[in-house]
Protein backbone atom coordinates (compact mmCIF):
# COMPACT_ATOMS: atom_id res chain seq x y z
CA MET A 1 -0.31 14.88 -20.88
CA LEU A 2 0.78 12.80 -17.88
CA SER A 3 2.92 13.54 -14.83
CA ILE A 4 3.92 10.41 -12.91
CA LEU A 5 4.66 11.40 -9.32
CA ILE A 6 6.52 9.18 -6.87
CA PRO A 7 7.17 10.20 -3.25
CA THR A 8 9.95 8.22 -1.59
CA TYR A 9 11.80 7.93 1.68
CA HIS A 10 14.73 5.58 2.28
CA TYR A 11 13.73 3.45 -0.71
CA ASN A 12 15.31 2.81 -4.10
CA ALA A 13 12.74 3.99 -6.65
CA PHE A 14 14.99 3.54 -9.71
CA PRO A 15 13.62 0.12 -10.82
CA LEU A 16 10.05 1.46 -10.77
CA VAL A 17 10.99 4.62 -12.68
CA GLU A 18 12.97 2.65 -15.25
CA MET A 19 9.99 0.37 -15.96
CA LEU A 20 7.56 3.29 -16.21
CA GLN A 21 9.92 5.24 -18.46
CA LYS A 22 10.16 2.30 -20.87
CA GLN A 23 6.37 1.92 -20.98
CA ALA A 24 5.80 5.65 -21.51
CA THR A 25 8.44 5.85 -24.24
CA ALA A 26 6.92 2.87 -26.06
CA LEU A 27 3.51 4.58 -25.99
CA GLY A 28 4.93 7.75 -27.50
CA ILE A 29 3.04 9.98 -25.07
CA ILE A 30 4.00 13.32 -23.59
CA TYR A 31 5.03 12.59 -20.02
CA GLU A 32 7.35 13.27 -17.12
CA ILE A 33 8.34 11.25 -14.07
CA ILE A 34 9.18 13.16 -10.89
CA VAL A 35 10.50 11.54 -7.73
CA SER A 36 10.65 13.52 -4.49
CA ASP A 37 12.74 12.09 -1.67
CA ASP A 38 11.53 13.37 1.69
CA ALA A 39 14.95 14.14 3.24
CA SER A 40 16.35 10.59 3.32
CA THR A 41 19.70 10.19 5.04
CA ASP A 42 20.77 6.84 3.56
CA ASN A 43 23.57 7.83 1.19
CA GLU A 44 23.65 4.50 -0.63
CA ILE A 45 19.95 4.72 -1.52
CA LEU A 46 20.32 8.39 -2.42
CA GLU A 47 23.09 7.60 -4.91
CA ARG A 48 20.89 4.97 -6.57
CA ASN A 49 17.96 7.37 -6.76
CA LYS A 50 20.11 10.11 -8.27
CA LEU A 51 20.46 7.87 -11.34
CA ILE A 52 16.79 8.61 -12.03
CA ALA A 53 17.78 12.02 -13.39
CA SER A 54 19.88 10.30 -16.08
CA LEU A 55 16.72 8.85 -17.65
CA GLU A 56 14.95 10.91 -20.31
CA TYR A 57 12.02 13.01 -19.02
CA CYS A 58 12.76 11.95 -15.43
CA GLN A 59 13.62 14.15 -12.45
CA PHE A 60 14.79 13.42 -8.93
CA TYR A 61 14.61 15.86 -6.01
CA HIS A 62 16.06 15.34 -2.57
CA GLN A 63 14.19 17.54 -0.11
CA LYS A 64 16.54 19.09 2.43
CA ASN A 65 13.90 19.18 5.17
CA ASN A 66 11.33 16.52 5.98
CA LEU A 67 7.97 17.62 4.57
CA GLY A 68 5.80 14.75 5.76
CA ARG A 69 3.92 12.25 3.60
CA GLY A 70 1.06 14.57 2.63
CA GLU A 71 3.07 17.72 1.97
CA ASN A 72 5.62 15.80 -0.09
CA ARG A 73 2.78 14.79 -2.42
CA ASN A 74 1.57 18.40 -2.55
CA ARG A 75 5.08 19.49 -3.53
CA LEU A 76 5.10 16.91 -6.34
CA CYS A 77 1.79 18.27 -7.59
CA GLN A 78 3.18 21.80 -7.62
CA MET A 79 6.20 20.67 -9.66
CA ALA A 80 4.11 18.74 -12.20
CA GLN A 81 3.50 20.44 -15.55
CA TYR A 82 0.76 18.26 -17.06
CA ASP A 83 -3.00 18.04 -16.52
CA TRP A 84 -3.11 14.45 -15.29
CA LEU A 85 -1.22 13.16 -12.25
CA LEU A 86 -0.47 9.52 -11.52
CA PHE A 87 0.61 8.98 -7.91
CA LEU A 88 2.50 5.77 -7.24
CA ASP A 89 4.20 4.64 -4.06
CA CYS A 90 7.91 4.00 -4.49
CA ASP A 91 7.64 0.39 -3.24
CA THR A 92 5.21 -0.72 -5.96
CA ILE A 93 5.64 -2.17 -9.44
CA PRO A 94 3.00 -2.54 -12.20
CA VAL A 95 1.43 -5.98 -12.50
CA ARG A 96 1.03 -5.70 -16.30
CA GLU A 97 3.15 -4.41 -19.15
CA ASN A 98 0.22 -2.35 -20.44
CA PHE A 99 -0.15 -0.53 -17.10
CA LEU A 100 0.37 2.99 -18.45
CA LYS A 101 -1.51 2.20 -21.65
CA ASN A 102 -4.61 1.36 -19.61
CA TYR A 103 -4.46 4.72 -17.85
CA VAL A 104 -3.78 6.62 -21.08
CA ASN A 105 -6.84 4.98 -22.66
CA SER A 106 -8.92 6.13 -19.69
CA ILE A 107 -7.57 9.68 -19.98
CA GLU A 108 -8.45 9.82 -23.67
CA LYS A 109 -12.06 8.87 -22.87
CA ASN A 110 -12.17 11.91 -20.57
CA GLN A 111 -15.02 10.49 -18.48
CA PHE A 112 -13.73 10.77 -14.93
CA GLN A 113 -11.84 12.97 -12.48
CA ALA A 114 -9.96 10.32 -10.51
CA VAL A 115 -9.40 6.58 -10.80
CA PHE A 116 -7.86 3.98 -8.52
CA GLY A 117 -6.20 1.01 -10.20
CA GLY A 118 -5.88 -1.32 -7.23
CA ILE A 119 -3.19 -2.97 -5.13
CA ALA A 120 -2.01 -6.57 -5.45
CA TYR A 121 0.29 -8.90 -3.54
CA GLN A 122 2.25 -11.72 -5.08
CA GLU A 123 0.93 -15.25 -4.60
CA ASN A 124 4.00 -16.84 -3.05
CA PRO A 125 4.24 -16.22 0.71
CA PRO A 126 7.31 -14.42 2.03
CA GLU A 127 9.69 -15.55 4.75
CA LYS A 128 8.26 -16.11 8.22
CA GLN A 129 9.30 -12.73 9.59
CA ALA A 130 7.20 -10.86 6.98
CA MET A 131 4.00 -12.90 7.11
CA LEU A 132 1.91 -10.29 8.97
CA ARG A 133 2.44 -7.65 6.27
CA TRP A 134 1.67 -10.12 3.48
CA ILE A 135 -1.47 -11.56 5.07
CA TYR A 136 -2.78 -8.11 6.02
CA GLY A 137 -2.13 -6.74 2.54
CA ARG A 138 -3.78 -9.62 0.71
CA ASN A 139 -6.87 -9.47 2.93
CA ARG A 140 -7.27 -5.73 3.55
CA GLU A 141 -5.61 -3.88 0.65
CA ALA A 142 -5.85 -6.23 -2.35
CA VAL A 143 -9.59 -5.67 -2.75
CA PRO A 144 -11.24 -7.26 -5.84
CA LEU A 145 -12.53 -4.84 -8.47
CA GLU A 146 -16.22 -5.63 -7.99
CA LYS A 147 -15.97 -5.05 -4.25
CA ARG A 148 -14.09 -1.80 -4.81
CA LYS A 149 -16.85 -0.60 -7.13
CA ARG A 150 -19.42 -1.09 -4.37
CA LYS A 151 -17.42 0.99 -1.86
CA PRO A 152 -15.04 3.15 -3.92
CA TYR A 153 -14.05 5.62 -1.18
CA GLU A 154 -13.40 2.93 1.42
CA SER A 155 -11.30 0.90 -1.03
CA SER A 156 -9.19 3.61 -2.70
CA LEU A 157 -5.60 4.41 -1.79
CA VAL A 158 -3.23 7.07 -3.08
CA SER A 159 -0.54 4.47 -3.81
CA ASN A 160 -1.95 3.97 -7.34
CA LEU A 161 -4.20 6.94 -8.08
CA LEU A 162 -4.73 8.84 -11.33
CA ILE A 163 -6.24 12.28 -10.78
CA ARG A 164 -6.67 15.62 -12.53
CA LYS A 165 -4.12 18.20 -11.42
CA ASN A 166 -6.67 21.00 -10.97
CA LEU A 167 -8.65 18.73 -8.67
CA LEU A 168 -5.68 18.05 -6.41
CA LEU A 169 -4.80 21.74 -6.35
CA SER A 170 -8.35 22.39 -5.12
CA TYR A 171 -8.27 19.57 -2.55
CA PRO A 172 -4.62 19.09 -1.54
CA PHE A 173 -3.31 16.70 1.08
CA HIS A 174 -3.81 18.10 4.57
CA PRO A 175 -0.69 20.16 5.42
CA LYS A 176 -0.96 19.51 9.17
CA ILE A 177 -0.67 15.72 8.80
CA TYR A 178 3.03 15.29 9.30
CA ASP A 179 3.45 11.98 11.13
CA TYR A 180 2.95 8.54 9.61
CA GLY A 181 -0.56 7.34 8.85
CA PHE A 182 -4.01 8.45 7.64
CA GLU A 183 -2.97 11.23 5.27
CA ASP A 184 -4.57 9.27 2.43
CA PHE A 185 -7.71 8.63 4.52
CA VAL A 186 -8.22 12.37 5.07
CA PHE A 187 -7.55 13.11 1.40
CA ILE A 188 -10.06 10.49 0.15
CA ALA A 189 -12.62 11.64 2.75
CA ASP A 190 -12.26 15.20 1.43
CA LEU A 191 -12.99 13.99 -2.11
CA LYS A 192 -16.04 12.14 -0.85
CA LYS A 193 -17.26 15.20 1.07
CA ASN A 194 -17.03 17.26 -2.10
CA LYS A 195 -18.74 14.55 -4.19
CA ILE A 196 -15.69 13.84 -6.33
CA GLN A 197 -16.26 10.37 -7.74
CA ILE A 198 -13.35 7.92 -7.76
CA GLU A 199 -13.64 5.39 -10.58
CA GLN A 200 -12.28 1.88 -10.10
CA MET A 201 -10.38 -0.13 -12.68
CA ASP A 202 -8.36 -3.33 -12.90
CA ASN A 203 -4.87 -1.86 -13.26
CA ALA A 204 -3.04 -2.94 -10.14
CA VAL A 205 0.47 -2.55 -8.86
CA TYR A 206 2.23 -5.07 -6.67
CA HIS A 207 3.21 -3.88 -3.22
CA LEU A 208 6.83 -5.00 -2.86
CA ASN A 209 8.16 -3.71 0.44
CA LEU A 210 7.20 -6.48 2.86
CA GLU A 211 8.59 -5.21 6.15
CA SER A 212 9.22 -7.61 8.97
CA SER A 213 6.19 -8.26 11.16
CA SER A 214 7.79 -6.35 14.03
CA VAL A 215 8.40 -3.27 11.85
CA PHE A 216 4.90 -3.47 10.37
CA LEU A 217 3.36 -3.72 13.83
CA GLU A 218 5.37 -0.73 15.05
CA LYS A 219 4.27 1.33 12.01
CA HIS A 220 0.63 0.48 12.71
CA LEU A 221 1.00 1.68 16.29
CA ARG A 222 2.57 4.92 15.04
CA ALA A 223 -0.36 5.35 12.66
CA LEU A 224 -2.84 4.81 15.50
CA SER A 225 -1.03 7.40 17.63
CA ASN A 226 -1.29 9.80 14.70
CA LEU A 227 -4.99 8.97 14.28
CA ASN A 228 -5.54 9.77 17.95
CA GLN A 229 -3.88 13.17 17.50
CA LEU A 230 -5.93 13.88 14.36
CA ILE A 231 -9.12 13.09 16.27
CA ASN A 232 -8.05 15.34 19.15
CA GLN A 233 -7.32 18.13 16.66
CA GLY A 234 -10.72 17.72 15.01
CA ILE A 235 -9.23 16.75 11.64
CA ILE A 236 -10.84 13.29 11.69
CA PRO A 237 -14.19 12.66 13.46
CA ALA A 238 -13.93 10.17 16.32
CA ASP A 239 -16.21 7.69 14.55
CA ALA A 240 -14.93 8.15 10.98
CA THR A 241 -12.75 5.02 11.03
CA THR A 242 -13.77 1.51 12.06
CA ILE A 243 -11.39 1.45 15.01
CA GLY A 244 -12.38 4.97 16.03
CA LYS A 245 -16.05 4.04 15.93
CA THR A 246 -15.40 0.93 18.04
CA ARG A 247 -13.48 2.93 20.65
CA ALA A 248 -16.24 5.54 20.77
CA ILE A 249 -18.83 2.83 21.45
CA LEU A 250 -16.69 1.29 24.18
CA LYS A 251 -16.22 4.71 25.81
CA ARG A 252 -19.95 5.37 25.68
CA PHE A 253 -20.61 2.27 27.77
CA TRP A 254 -17.56 2.71 30.02
CA LEU A 255 -15.93 -0.38 28.55
CA ASP A 256 -12.77 1.23 27.21
CA ARG A 257 -10.95 0.84 30.55
CA LEU A 258 -11.86 -2.82 30.60
CA MET A 259 -10.49 -3.12 27.08
CA VAL A 260 -7.21 -1.55 28.20
CA LYS A 261 -6.89 -3.98 31.11
CA LEU A 262 -7.61 -6.89 28.79
CA PHE A 263 -5.01 -5.57 26.33
CA HIS A 264 -2.27 -5.35 28.96
CA ARG A 265 -3.05 -8.89 30.10
CA LEU A 266 -3.13 -10.39 26.60
CA GLU A 267 -0.46 -8.28 24.94
CA PRO A 268 2.41 -10.81 25.22
CA SER A 269 0.38 -13.68 23.73
CA LEU A 270 -1.15 -11.45 21.04
CA LYS A 271 2.24 -10.14 20.02
CA LYS A 272 3.67 -13.66 19.93
CA ASN A 273 0.96 -14.65 17.47
CA LEU A 274 1.47 -11.57 15.31
CA LEU A 275 5.20 -12.23 14.98
CA SER A 276 4.69 -15.91 14.16
CA ASP A 277 4.37 -17.54 10.74
CA VAL A 278 0.58 -17.87 11.18
CA PRO A 279 -0.57 -14.43 12.40
CA SER A 280 -4.28 -13.89 12.97
CA LEU A 281 -5.90 -10.72 11.63
CA GLN A 282 -8.54 -11.00 14.36
CA GLN A 283 -5.83 -10.92 17.01
CA PHE A 284 -4.15 -8.07 15.11
CA TYR A 285 -7.32 -5.99 15.34
CA LEU A 286 -7.71 -6.83 19.04
CA TYR A 287 -4.13 -5.72 19.64
CA LYS A 288 -4.68 -2.45 17.76
CA LEU A 289 -7.98 -1.76 19.52
CA GLY A 290 -6.44 -2.31 22.95
CA TYR A 291 -3.52 -0.05 22.11
CA PHE A 292 -5.86 2.60 20.68
CA CYS A 293 -8.08 2.56 23.77
CA ALA A 294 -4.99 3.04 25.95
CA LEU A 295 -4.12 6.28 24.18
CA LYS A 296 -5.30 9.50 25.78
CA SER A 297 -8.19 11.11 23.95
CA LEU A 298 -10.14 14.32 24.55
């Protein structure tokens, strides 16, 4: 009936698997849980994740070579034996005890091809050094259900996505997206292009892994570098993303060089704000836009 698929890298997925296994067992459904580690090298985390295989109907695979975020998900799909796939990020945990029951009820209605359950962030703020990740997540990723229904493709993520297996086999994750960032954007855009509707429901998972602001900022810059490469390779149109569209407009009016100069001048003060306990999302976007304009594009 249901294959629960969890890609992981340098993260202990055992608590998530244990919770899901208990929920699935209580429901009495036919299921499996498969975790694929994308060539992690942290032995302590690997030993914890190996315990997953000791749980009934659960499997753990440690990939010997790094597949990349998209291809690791494709590999999970190929290993899955059931018709419905539930993709969950390893650093999430269900908000409600009836999490799997809600999805099973939706499957039994058989009225959709894919559904996104939503992302949530806990109410209590984290320590100062993780404020940027928390504020960004609550404002950009934790989108209310009604708003997600109005723009389902723009709001959906693969970190909590239920989808038919035959659909994902037809529209797999792009195999050439190896570096960090935008593999889910390309996947969702492909579903939109092929008129595959993504339903929205209130069945969220908490995002748990609140990296430090410095790590989160560095990951965003890596993602922007990857986006720039994907645009240069023709995989993503230059104006498909908000930041790509803004850069394209600036280039059209010869303002991108001015933006780069402004970025270099303001970078220290912008970065100071982003690493503080009151980071501004407006300044975060300005920082990203300046960095993105400084990257070489075709």
